[in-house]
């Protein structure tokens, strides 16, 4: 985070981006009629996936991993990001990597519930 409390855009590579890419590709396949975007910046943060549906609130999907919570402020920052989005009229969903590897369909149901 910078001196103003904003998260800097992530330029990391490796498993975290692979996880985001896999979730994004699966969502594109499952939701062909919706507009999906990756790495969206809003409110000083960068979010993994944005799903836009006409007439409904847009849904921001964060693909969470242990790496994102490596520092002591990771959890608090995530809670703040969620509050910023919800106060701005978005829905917020966390997809946890560990849960997704075990049962991806179950994790994706969280998104489907927000899109109904």
N, C-alpha and C. Protein backbone atom coordinates (compact mmCIF):
# COMPACT_ATOMS: atom_id res chain seq x y z
N UNK A 1 0.84 -1.18 0.00
CA UNK A 1 0.00 0.00 0.00
C UNK A 1 0.89 1.24 0.00
N UNK A 2 0.42 2.27 -0.70
CA UNK A 2 1.20 3.50 -0.72
C UNK A 2 0.86 4.36 0.51
N UNK A 3 1.43 5.57 0.58
CA UNK A 3 1.24 6.41 1.76
C UNK A 3 -0.20 6.88 1.93
N UNK A 4 -1.03 6.74 0.89
CA UNK A 4 -2.44 7.14 0.97
C UNK A 4 -3.36 5.96 1.26
N UNK A 5 -2.79 4.79 1.47
CA UNK A 5 -3.58 3.62 1.78
C UNK A 5 -4.12 2.87 0.58
N UNK A 6 -3.60 3.19 -0.61
CA UNK A 6 -4.06 2.51 -1.81
C UNK A 6 -3.14 1.37 -2.17
N UNK A 7 -3.74 0.33 -2.67
CA UNK A 7 -2.97 -0.82 -3.10
C UNK A 7 -2.38 -0.54 -4.47
N UNK A 8 -1.15 -0.96 -4.65
CA UNK A 8 -0.52 -0.77 -5.95
C UNK A 8 -0.92 -1.93 -6.86
N UNK A 9 -1.10 -1.67 -8.16
CA UNK A 9 -1.46 -2.75 -9.09
C UNK A 9 -0.45 -3.88 -9.01
N UNK A 10 -0.97 -5.07 -9.07
CA UNK A 10 -0.13 -6.25 -8.98
C UNK A 10 0.50 -6.58 -10.32
N UNK A 11 1.80 -6.75 -10.31
CA UNK A 11 2.50 -7.17 -11.52
C UNK A 11 3.05 -8.57 -11.35
N UNK A 12 2.53 -9.29 -10.35
CA UNK A 12 3.07 -10.60 -10.06
C UNK A 12 2.75 -11.59 -11.16
N UNK A 13 3.59 -12.58 -11.28
CA UNK A 13 3.36 -13.62 -12.26
C UNK A 13 3.30 -14.95 -11.52
N UNK A 14 2.99 -15.99 -12.23
CA UNK A 14 3.03 -17.31 -11.63
C UNK A 14 1.65 -17.84 -11.30
N UNK A 15 1.58 -18.63 -10.22
CA UNK A 15 0.37 -19.37 -9.90
C UNK A 15 -0.83 -18.48 -9.66
N UNK A 16 -0.65 -17.31 -9.04
CA UNK A 16 -1.77 -16.44 -8.75
C UNK A 16 -2.44 -15.99 -10.04
N UNK A 17 -1.65 -15.54 -11.02
CA UNK A 17 -2.22 -15.13 -12.31
C UNK A 17 -2.79 -16.32 -13.06
N UNK A 18 -2.19 -17.46 -12.96
CA UNK A 18 -2.71 -18.67 -13.58
C UNK A 18 -4.09 -18.99 -13.01
N UNK A 19 -4.24 -18.88 -11.73
CA UNK A 19 -5.52 -19.12 -11.08
C UNK A 19 -6.58 -18.14 -11.60
N UNK A 20 -6.24 -16.87 -11.68
CA UNK A 20 -7.18 -15.86 -12.19
C UNK A 20 -7.54 -16.18 -13.64
N UNK A 21 -6.56 -16.52 -14.44
CA UNK A 21 -6.81 -16.85 -15.85
C UNK A 21 -7.75 -18.05 -15.98
N UNK A 22 -7.55 -19.07 -15.16
CA UNK A 22 -8.40 -20.26 -15.23
C UNK A 22 -9.84 -19.94 -14.82
N UNK A 23 -10.00 -19.14 -13.78
CA UNK A 23 -11.35 -18.75 -13.36
C UNK A 23 -12.00 -17.90 -14.45
N UNK A 24 -11.26 -16.97 -15.01
CA UNK A 24 -11.79 -16.09 -16.05
C UNK A 24 -12.24 -16.90 -17.27
N UNK A 25 -11.42 -17.84 -17.71
CA UNK A 25 -11.77 -18.67 -18.86
C UNK A 25 -13.01 -19.51 -18.59
N UNK A 26 -13.10 -20.05 -17.40
CA UNK A 26 -14.28 -20.85 -17.03
C UNK A 26 -15.54 -19.98 -17.01
N UNK A 27 -15.42 -18.76 -16.49
CA UNK A 27 -16.57 -17.86 -16.46
C UNK A 27 -16.99 -17.45 -17.87
N UNK A 28 -16.02 -17.22 -18.75
CA UNK A 28 -16.35 -16.89 -20.14
C UNK A 28 -17.13 -18.04 -20.79
N UNK A 29 -16.73 -19.24 -20.50
CA UNK A 29 -17.41 -20.42 -21.05
C UNK A 29 -18.82 -20.55 -20.47
N UNK A 30 -18.96 -20.35 -19.15
CA UNK A 30 -20.24 -20.53 -18.47
C UNK A 30 -21.20 -19.36 -18.67
N UNK A 31 -20.67 -18.17 -18.91
CA UNK A 31 -21.49 -16.95 -18.98
C UNK A 31 -21.24 -16.21 -20.30
N UNK A 32 -21.52 -16.83 -21.44
CA UNK A 32 -21.16 -16.22 -22.72
C UNK A 32 -21.91 -14.93 -23.04
N UNK A 33 -23.06 -14.72 -22.43
CA UNK A 33 -23.86 -13.53 -22.74
C UNK A 33 -23.53 -12.32 -21.87
N UNK A 34 -22.61 -12.49 -20.93
CA UNK A 34 -22.26 -11.39 -20.03
C UNK A 34 -20.89 -10.82 -20.40
N UNK A 35 -20.69 -9.55 -20.06
CA UNK A 35 -19.41 -8.89 -20.31
C UNK A 35 -18.48 -9.16 -19.13
N UNK A 36 -17.33 -9.74 -19.41
CA UNK A 36 -16.33 -10.02 -18.40
C UNK A 36 -15.06 -9.25 -18.71
N UNK A 37 -14.44 -8.72 -17.66
CA UNK A 37 -13.17 -8.00 -17.79
C UNK A 37 -12.24 -8.45 -16.67
N UNK A 38 -10.94 -8.39 -16.96
CA UNK A 38 -9.92 -8.75 -15.96
C UNK A 38 -9.12 -7.53 -15.55
N UNK A 39 -8.61 -7.57 -14.32
CA UNK A 39 -7.69 -6.56 -13.80
C UNK A 39 -8.27 -5.14 -13.92
N UNK A 40 -9.42 -4.95 -13.33
CA UNK A 40 -10.12 -3.68 -13.34
C UNK A 40 -9.67 -2.83 -12.16
N UNK A 41 -9.40 -1.56 -12.42
CA UNK A 41 -9.02 -0.63 -11.35
C UNK A 41 -10.22 0.20 -10.95
N UNK A 42 -10.43 0.30 -9.63
CA UNK A 42 -11.55 1.08 -9.10
C UNK A 42 -11.22 1.45 -7.66
N UNK A 43 -11.44 2.69 -7.30
CA UNK A 43 -11.25 3.12 -5.92
C UNK A 43 -9.85 2.94 -5.38
N UNK A 44 -8.87 3.00 -6.25
CA UNK A 44 -7.49 2.85 -5.81
C UNK A 44 -7.03 1.41 -5.71
N UNK A 45 -7.87 0.48 -6.09
CA UNK A 45 -7.54 -0.94 -6.03
C UNK A 45 -7.62 -1.55 -7.43
N UNK A 46 -7.01 -2.71 -7.56
CA UNK A 46 -7.14 -3.49 -8.78
C UNK A 46 -7.88 -4.77 -8.42
N UNK A 47 -8.93 -5.08 -9.20
CA UNK A 47 -9.75 -6.25 -8.94
C UNK A 47 -9.56 -7.27 -10.05
N UNK A 48 -9.69 -8.54 -9.70
CA UNK A 48 -9.36 -9.61 -10.63
C UNK A 48 -10.34 -9.69 -11.81
N UNK A 49 -11.63 -9.79 -11.52
CA UNK A 49 -12.62 -10.02 -12.58
C UNK A 49 -13.87 -9.18 -12.30
N UNK A 50 -14.39 -8.55 -13.35
CA UNK A 50 -15.65 -7.82 -13.29
C UNK A 50 -16.63 -8.48 -14.24
N UNK A 51 -17.83 -8.77 -13.72
CA UNK A 51 -18.90 -9.35 -14.54
C UNK A 51 -20.03 -8.32 -14.58
N UNK A 52 -20.40 -7.91 -15.80
CA UNK A 52 -21.47 -6.93 -15.98
C UNK A 52 -22.69 -7.59 -16.60
N UNK A 53 -23.85 -7.34 -15.99
CA UNK A 53 -25.11 -7.90 -16.47
C UNK A 53 -26.13 -6.77 -16.53
N UNK A 54 -26.75 -6.59 -17.69
CA UNK A 54 -27.74 -5.53 -17.86
C UNK A 54 -28.85 -5.67 -16.82
N UNK A 55 -29.19 -4.55 -16.18
CA UNK A 55 -30.29 -4.53 -15.24
C UNK A 55 -29.97 -5.09 -13.87
N UNK A 56 -28.77 -5.52 -13.64
CA UNK A 56 -28.35 -6.08 -12.35
C UNK A 56 -27.07 -5.40 -11.89
N UNK A 57 -26.78 -5.54 -10.60
CA UNK A 57 -25.51 -5.03 -10.10
C UNK A 57 -24.36 -5.82 -10.73
N UNK A 58 -23.29 -5.11 -11.03
CA UNK A 58 -22.08 -5.78 -11.51
C UNK A 58 -21.45 -6.55 -10.36
N UNK A 59 -20.78 -7.62 -10.70
CA UNK A 59 -20.16 -8.48 -9.69
C UNK A 59 -18.65 -8.44 -9.86
N UNK A 60 -17.94 -8.15 -8.79
CA UNK A 60 -16.49 -8.21 -8.77
C UNK A 60 -16.08 -9.52 -8.12
N UNK A 61 -15.21 -10.26 -8.81
CA UNK A 61 -14.73 -11.54 -8.31
C UNK A 61 -13.25 -11.39 -7.97
N UNK A 62 -12.91 -11.69 -6.76
CA UNK A 62 -11.52 -11.71 -6.33
C UNK A 62 -11.09 -13.16 -6.18
N UNK A 63 -10.01 -13.53 -6.83
CA UNK A 63 -9.46 -14.87 -6.77
C UNK A 63 -8.40 -14.87 -5.67
N UNK A 64 -8.77 -15.43 -4.55
CA UNK A 64 -7.96 -15.32 -3.34
C UNK A 64 -7.01 -16.50 -3.20
N UNK A 65 -5.81 -16.17 -2.71
CA UNK A 65 -4.82 -17.19 -2.42
C UNK A 65 -4.09 -16.78 -1.14
N UNK A 66 -3.35 -17.71 -0.57
CA UNK A 66 -2.58 -17.40 0.63
C UNK A 66 -1.59 -16.28 0.37
N UNK A 67 -1.10 -16.21 -0.87
CA UNK A 67 -0.12 -15.19 -1.23
C UNK A 67 -0.68 -13.78 -1.03
N UNK A 68 -1.98 -13.60 -1.32
CA UNK A 68 -2.59 -12.28 -1.15
C UNK A 68 -2.66 -11.87 0.32
N UNK A 69 -2.63 -12.85 1.21
CA UNK A 69 -2.68 -12.55 2.64
C UNK A 69 -1.33 -12.70 3.31
N UNK A 70 -0.26 -12.59 2.54
CA UNK A 70 1.08 -12.82 3.06
C UNK A 70 1.48 -11.79 4.12
N UNK A 71 1.06 -10.54 3.94
CA UNK A 71 1.43 -9.54 4.94
C UNK A 71 0.31 -9.38 5.96
N UNK A 72 0.61 -8.68 7.04
CA UNK A 72 -0.35 -8.58 8.15
C UNK A 72 -1.56 -7.71 7.83
N UNK A 73 -1.50 -6.88 6.80
CA UNK A 73 -2.63 -6.03 6.46
C UNK A 73 -3.51 -6.61 5.34
N UNK A 74 -3.14 -7.74 4.80
CA UNK A 74 -3.88 -8.32 3.68
C UNK A 74 -5.35 -8.51 3.97
N UNK A 75 -5.68 -9.09 5.11
CA UNK A 75 -7.07 -9.35 5.46
C UNK A 75 -7.85 -8.05 5.64
N UNK A 76 -7.26 -7.08 6.34
CA UNK A 76 -7.93 -5.80 6.55
C UNK A 76 -8.13 -5.05 5.24
N UNK A 77 -7.15 -5.12 4.37
CA UNK A 77 -7.26 -4.47 3.07
C UNK A 77 -8.40 -5.11 2.27
N UNK A 78 -8.51 -6.43 2.32
CA UNK A 78 -9.57 -7.11 1.60
C UNK A 78 -10.95 -6.71 2.11
N UNK A 79 -11.10 -6.61 3.41
CA UNK A 79 -12.38 -6.17 3.98
C UNK A 79 -12.72 -4.75 3.54
N UNK A 80 -11.71 -3.89 3.48
CA UNK A 80 -11.92 -2.51 3.03
C UNK A 80 -12.32 -2.48 1.56
N UNK A 81 -11.66 -3.27 0.74
CA UNK A 81 -12.00 -3.35 -0.68
C UNK A 81 -13.46 -3.78 -0.86
N UNK A 82 -13.88 -4.76 -0.08
CA UNK A 82 -15.26 -5.23 -0.16
C UNK A 82 -16.24 -4.11 0.20
N UNK A 83 -15.93 -3.37 1.24
CA UNK A 83 -16.81 -2.28 1.68
C UNK A 83 -16.86 -1.17 0.63
N UNK A 84 -15.73 -0.81 0.04
CA UNK A 84 -15.69 0.21 -1.01
C UNK A 84 -16.59 -0.20 -2.17
N UNK A 85 -16.48 -1.45 -2.60
CA UNK A 85 -17.27 -1.93 -3.72
C UNK A 85 -18.76 -1.96 -3.39
N UNK A 86 -19.10 -2.51 -2.25
CA UNK A 86 -20.52 -2.61 -1.89
C UNK A 86 -21.15 -1.23 -1.72
N UNK A 87 -20.40 -0.29 -1.16
CA UNK A 87 -20.91 1.08 -1.02
C UNK A 87 -21.05 1.78 -2.37
N UNK A 88 -20.38 1.25 -3.38
CA UNK A 88 -20.45 1.82 -4.72
C UNK A 88 -21.44 1.08 -5.62
N UNK A 89 -22.17 0.12 -5.05
CA UNK A 89 -23.22 -0.57 -5.81
C UNK A 89 -22.80 -1.85 -6.50
N UNK A 90 -21.66 -2.41 -6.15
CA UNK A 90 -21.21 -3.68 -6.73
C UNK A 90 -21.52 -4.83 -5.77
N UNK A 91 -21.60 -6.02 -6.32
CA UNK A 91 -21.59 -7.24 -5.53
C UNK A 91 -20.14 -7.70 -5.46
N UNK A 92 -19.78 -8.44 -4.40
CA UNK A 92 -18.39 -8.87 -4.21
C UNK A 92 -18.37 -10.35 -3.88
N UNK A 93 -17.52 -11.10 -4.58
CA UNK A 93 -17.41 -12.54 -4.35
C UNK A 93 -15.93 -12.90 -4.25
N UNK A 94 -15.61 -13.71 -3.26
CA UNK A 94 -14.25 -14.25 -3.13
C UNK A 94 -14.27 -15.71 -3.59
N UNK A 95 -13.33 -16.04 -4.46
CA UNK A 95 -13.12 -17.43 -4.87
C UNK A 95 -11.77 -17.83 -4.28
N UNK A 96 -11.77 -18.80 -3.40
CA UNK A 96 -10.54 -19.23 -2.74
C UNK A 96 -9.87 -20.34 -3.54
N UNK A 97 -8.58 -20.18 -3.79
CA UNK A 97 -7.85 -21.14 -4.62
C UNK A 97 -7.93 -22.55 -4.05
N UNK A 98 -7.73 -22.69 -2.76
CA UNK A 98 -7.75 -24.03 -2.15
C UNK A 98 -9.11 -24.69 -2.35
N UNK A 99 -10.19 -23.94 -2.18
CA UNK A 99 -11.53 -24.50 -2.37
C UNK A 99 -11.80 -24.79 -3.85
N UNK A 100 -11.31 -23.90 -4.72
CA UNK A 100 -11.54 -24.07 -6.15
C UNK A 100 -10.86 -25.33 -6.67
N UNK A 101 -9.66 -25.61 -6.19
CA UNK A 101 -8.96 -26.82 -6.66
C UNK A 101 -9.70 -28.07 -6.22
N UNK A 102 -10.39 -27.99 -5.08
CA UNK A 102 -11.12 -29.15 -4.58
C UNK A 102 -12.50 -29.30 -5.23
N UNK A 103 -13.20 -28.16 -5.46
CA UNK A 103 -14.54 -28.22 -6.04
C UNK A 103 -14.86 -26.88 -6.71
N UNK A 104 -14.41 -26.71 -7.93
CA UNK A 104 -14.57 -25.46 -8.65
C UNK A 104 -16.04 -25.10 -8.85
N UNK A 105 -16.87 -26.07 -9.18
CA UNK A 105 -18.28 -25.79 -9.41
C UNK A 105 -18.94 -25.19 -8.17
N UNK A 106 -18.58 -25.67 -7.02
CA UNK A 106 -19.13 -25.15 -5.77
C UNK A 106 -18.72 -23.68 -5.56
N UNK A 107 -17.48 -23.36 -5.85
CA UNK A 107 -17.01 -21.98 -5.72
C UNK A 107 -17.71 -21.06 -6.73
N UNK A 108 -17.91 -21.55 -7.95
CA UNK A 108 -18.56 -20.75 -8.97
C UNK A 108 -20.04 -20.50 -8.67
N UNK A 109 -20.64 -21.34 -7.86
CA UNK A 109 -22.03 -21.13 -7.45
C UNK A 109 -22.19 -19.82 -6.66
N UNK A 110 -21.15 -19.40 -5.98
CA UNK A 110 -21.19 -18.11 -5.26
C UNK A 110 -21.46 -16.97 -6.24
N UNK A 111 -20.84 -17.05 -7.40
CA UNK A 111 -21.02 -16.02 -8.42
C UNK A 111 -22.42 -16.10 -9.01
N UNK A 112 -22.86 -17.31 -9.33
CA UNK A 112 -24.18 -17.49 -9.91
C UNK A 112 -25.27 -16.95 -9.01
N UNK A 113 -25.14 -17.12 -7.70
CA UNK A 113 -26.13 -16.60 -6.75
C UNK A 113 -26.21 -15.07 -6.81
N UNK A 114 -25.07 -14.43 -7.00
CA UNK A 114 -25.05 -12.96 -7.07
C UNK A 114 -25.63 -12.45 -8.37
N UNK A 115 -25.59 -13.26 -9.42
CA UNK A 115 -26.08 -12.84 -10.73
C UNK A 115 -27.59 -13.05 -10.90
N UNK A 116 -28.22 -13.78 -10.01
CA UNK A 116 -29.67 -14.04 -10.11
C UNK A 116 -30.48 -12.81 -9.80
